[in-house]
């Protein structure tokens, strides 16, 4: 065989191989590559969608956190105001109670002073009667001279 015939037969075999490959081998490979490209594109699209959802969720979380911080700050301020009001109220009650105690102590002291004055008057009257009795050297009858003794008590 000559080189031309061999070359011609090899070209025909090569063309048959190319046609067979294009008809039976290439379409499944192309289909698999297209499917793989589609899966990759879908995956990238899902990743982009997830990324955008993540940023949206992060924004919502930040908003909720700032809202929660604001609410917490306002609740703390309310609690502090309430505590101050309770403290002021307790101070007012304590002051009022202290004033009542002081007033009661003053009234009691006044009563004790009046009772002491009254006892002193009684003692002074008794001493005056004893002194007068000794001066006059006779006994003064308290029942007979009760009016005189009462006047003496009131004058003292």
Protein backbone atom coordinates (compact mmCIF):
# COMPACT_ATOMS: atom_id res chain seq x y z
CA UNK A 1 0.00 0.00 0.00
CA UNK A 2 1.09 3.37 -0.70
CA UNK A 3 1.33 6.24 1.63
CA UNK A 4 -1.49 8.10 -0.10
CA UNK A 5 -3.94 5.24 0.36
CA UNK A 6 -2.92 4.82 3.97
CA UNK A 7 -3.30 8.52 4.54
CA UNK A 8 -6.67 8.48 2.81
CA UNK A 9 -7.92 5.49 4.88
CA UNK A 10 -6.66 7.08 8.09
CA UNK A 11 -8.45 10.36 7.17
CA UNK A 12 -11.70 8.39 6.57
CA UNK A 13 -11.28 6.54 9.89
CA UNK A 14 -10.55 9.86 11.60
CA UNK A 15 -13.70 11.41 10.04
CA UNK A 16 -15.75 8.41 11.19
CA UNK A 17 -14.27 8.78 14.67
CA UNK A 18 -15.04 12.54 14.68
CA UNK A 19 -18.64 11.94 13.48
CA UNK A 20 -19.13 9.17 16.06
CA UNK A 21 -17.70 11.40 18.80
CA UNK A 22 -19.87 14.37 17.71
CA UNK A 23 -22.99 12.20 17.49
CA UNK A 24 -22.67 9.98 20.59
CA UNK A 25 -19.90 11.22 22.91
CA UNK A 26 -19.97 15.00 22.65
CA UNK A 27 -23.70 15.65 23.45
CA UNK A 28 -23.62 13.90 26.89
CA UNK A 29 -20.37 15.68 27.75
CA UNK A 30 -21.80 19.04 26.63
CA UNK A 31 -25.00 18.32 28.54
CA UNK A 32 -23.04 17.47 31.69
CA UNK A 33 -20.95 20.64 31.30
CA UNK A 34 -24.11 22.74 30.77
CA UNK A 35 -25.75 21.18 33.83
CA UNK A 36 -22.62 21.81 35.89
CA UNK A 37 -22.49 25.43 34.66
CA UNK A 38 -26.18 25.82 35.54
CA UNK A 39 -25.60 24.38 39.04
CA UNK A 40 -22.68 26.73 39.55
CA UNK A 41 -24.76 29.69 38.33
CA UNK A 42 -27.64 28.65 40.63
CA UNK A 43 -25.21 28.28 43.52
CA UNK A 44 -23.75 31.73 42.88
CA UNK A 45 -27.24 33.21 42.62
CA UNK A 46 -28.23 31.50 45.88
CA UNK A 47 -25.03 32.79 47.51
CA UNK A 48 -25.78 36.33 46.33
CA UNK A 49 -29.36 36.03 47.55
CA UNK A 50 -28.18 34.67 50.91
CA UNK A 51 -25.64 37.49 51.15
CA UNK A 52 -28.31 40.12 50.51
CA UNK A 53 -30.63 38.41 53.00
CA UNK A 54 -27.79 38.34 55.52
CA UNK A 55 -27.22 42.08 55.15
CA UNK A 56 -30.97 42.69 55.49
CA UNK A 57 -31.12 40.51 58.59
CA UNK A 58 -28.04 42.24 60.02
CA UNK A 59 -29.73 45.60 59.47
CA UNK A 60 -32.88 44.36 61.21
CA UNK A 61 -30.82 42.96 64.08
CA UNK A 62 -29.00 46.29 64.45
CA UNK A 63 -32.32 48.15 64.45
CA UNK A 64 -33.77 45.82 67.05
CA UNK A 65 -30.61 46.09 69.15
CA UNK A 66 -30.71 49.88 69.02
CA UNK A 67 -34.43 49.82 69.84
CA UNK A 68 -33.74 47.47 72.75
CA UNK A 69 -30.91 49.70 73.95
CA UNK A 70 -33.23 52.71 73.81
CA UNK A 71 -35.95 50.85 75.68
CA UNK A 72 -33.44 49.68 78.27
CA UNK A 73 -32.10 53.20 78.72
CA UNK A 74 -35.63 54.56 79.08
CA UNK A 75 -36.55 51.83 81.59
CA UNK A 76 -33.40 52.56 83.58
CA UNK A 77 -34.23 56.26 83.57
CA UNK A 78 -37.79 55.45 84.73
CA UNK A 79 -36.43 53.19 87.46
CA UNK A 80 -34.05 55.92 88.60
CA UNK A 81 -36.89 58.47 88.64
CA UNK A 82 -39.04 56.05 90.62
CA UNK A 83 -36.21 55.39 93.05
CA UNK A 84 -35.69 59.12 93.53
CA UNK A 85 -39.43 59.60 94.07
CA UNK A 86 -39.49 56.77 96.62
CA UNK A 87 -36.44 58.22 98.37
CA UNK A 88 -38.01 61.69 98.47
CA UNK A 89 -41.25 60.23 99.75
CA UNK A 90 -39.41 58.28 102.44
CA UNK A 91 -37.49 61.43 103.42
CA UNK A 92 -40.74 63.39 103.62
CA UNK A 93 -42.33 60.67 105.76
CA UNK A 94 -39.27 60.50 107.99
CA UNK A 95 -39.24 64.28 108.39
CA UNK A 96 -42.95 64.26 109.18
CA UNK A 97 -42.51 61.44 111.67
CA UNK A 98 -39.54 63.24 113.23
CA UNK A 99 -41.61 66.40 113.54
CA UNK A 100 -44.39 64.40 115.20
CA UNK A 101 -41.91 62.83 117.62
CA UNK A 102 -40.39 66.25 118.42
CA UNK A 103 -43.86 67.74 118.93
CA UNK A 104 -44.85 64.85 121.19
CA UNK A 105 -41.59 65.23 123.15
CA UNK A 106 -42.19 68.97 123.51
CA UNK A 107 -45.75 68.38 124.66
CA UNK A 108 -44.56 65.77 127.14
CA UNK A 109 -41.80 68.10 128.37
CA UNK A 110 -44.36 70.89 128.73
CA UNK A 111 -46.65 68.58 130.69
CA UNK A 112 -43.75 67.52 132.91
CA UNK A 113 -42.80 71.17 133.40
CA UNK A 114 -46.40 72.02 134.36
CA UNK A 115 -46.51 69.03 136.71
CA UNK A 116 -43.15 70.06 138.21
CA UNK A 117 -44.41 73.64 138.68
CA UNK A 118 -47.55 72.33 140.27
CA UNK A 119 -45.54 70.07 142.60
CA UNK A 120 -43.22 72.98 143.38
CA UNK A 121 -46.22 75.18 144.18
CA UNK A 122 -47.54 72.48 146.48
CA UNK A 123 -44.17 72.22 148.22
CA UNK A 124 -43.77 76.01 148.45
CA UNK A 125 -47.27 76.31 149.87
CA UNK A 126 -46.53 73.58 152.40
CA UNK A 127 -43.24 75.28 153.31
CA UNK A 128 -44.95 78.66 153.57
CA UNK A 129 -47.59 77.17 155.85
CA UNK A 130 -44.90 75.50 158.00
CA UNK A 131 -42.91 78.70 158.07
CA UNK A 132 -45.97 80.72 159.02
CA UNK A 133 -46.87 78.10 161.58
CA UNK A 134 -43.48 78.31 163.15
CA UNK A 135 -43.59 82.08 163.05
CA UNK A 136 -46.98 82.17 164.66
CA UNK A 137 -46.21 79.19 166.86
CA UNK A 138 -49.51 77.70 166.33
CA UNK A 139 -50.99 75.14 164.04
CA UNK A 140 -52.71 76.19 160.82
CA UNK A 141 -55.69 73.98 159.97
CA UNK A 142 -55.59 73.11 156.24
CA UNK A 143 -59.32 72.41 156.09
CA UNK A 144 -60.23 75.74 157.68
CA UNK A 145 -57.78 77.77 155.72
CA UNK A 146 -58.20 75.93 152.37
CA UNK A 147 -59.36 79.05 150.54
CA UNK A 148 -56.36 80.98 151.76
CA UNK A 149 -54.02 78.14 150.76
CA UNK A 150 -55.56 77.91 147.25
CA UNK A 151 -55.06 81.64 146.72
CA UNK A 152 -51.49 81.25 147.85
CA UNK A 153 -50.94 78.40 145.35
CA UNK A 154 -52.30 80.44 142.45
CA UNK A 155 -50.14 83.41 143.34
CA UNK A 156 -47.02 81.29 143.33
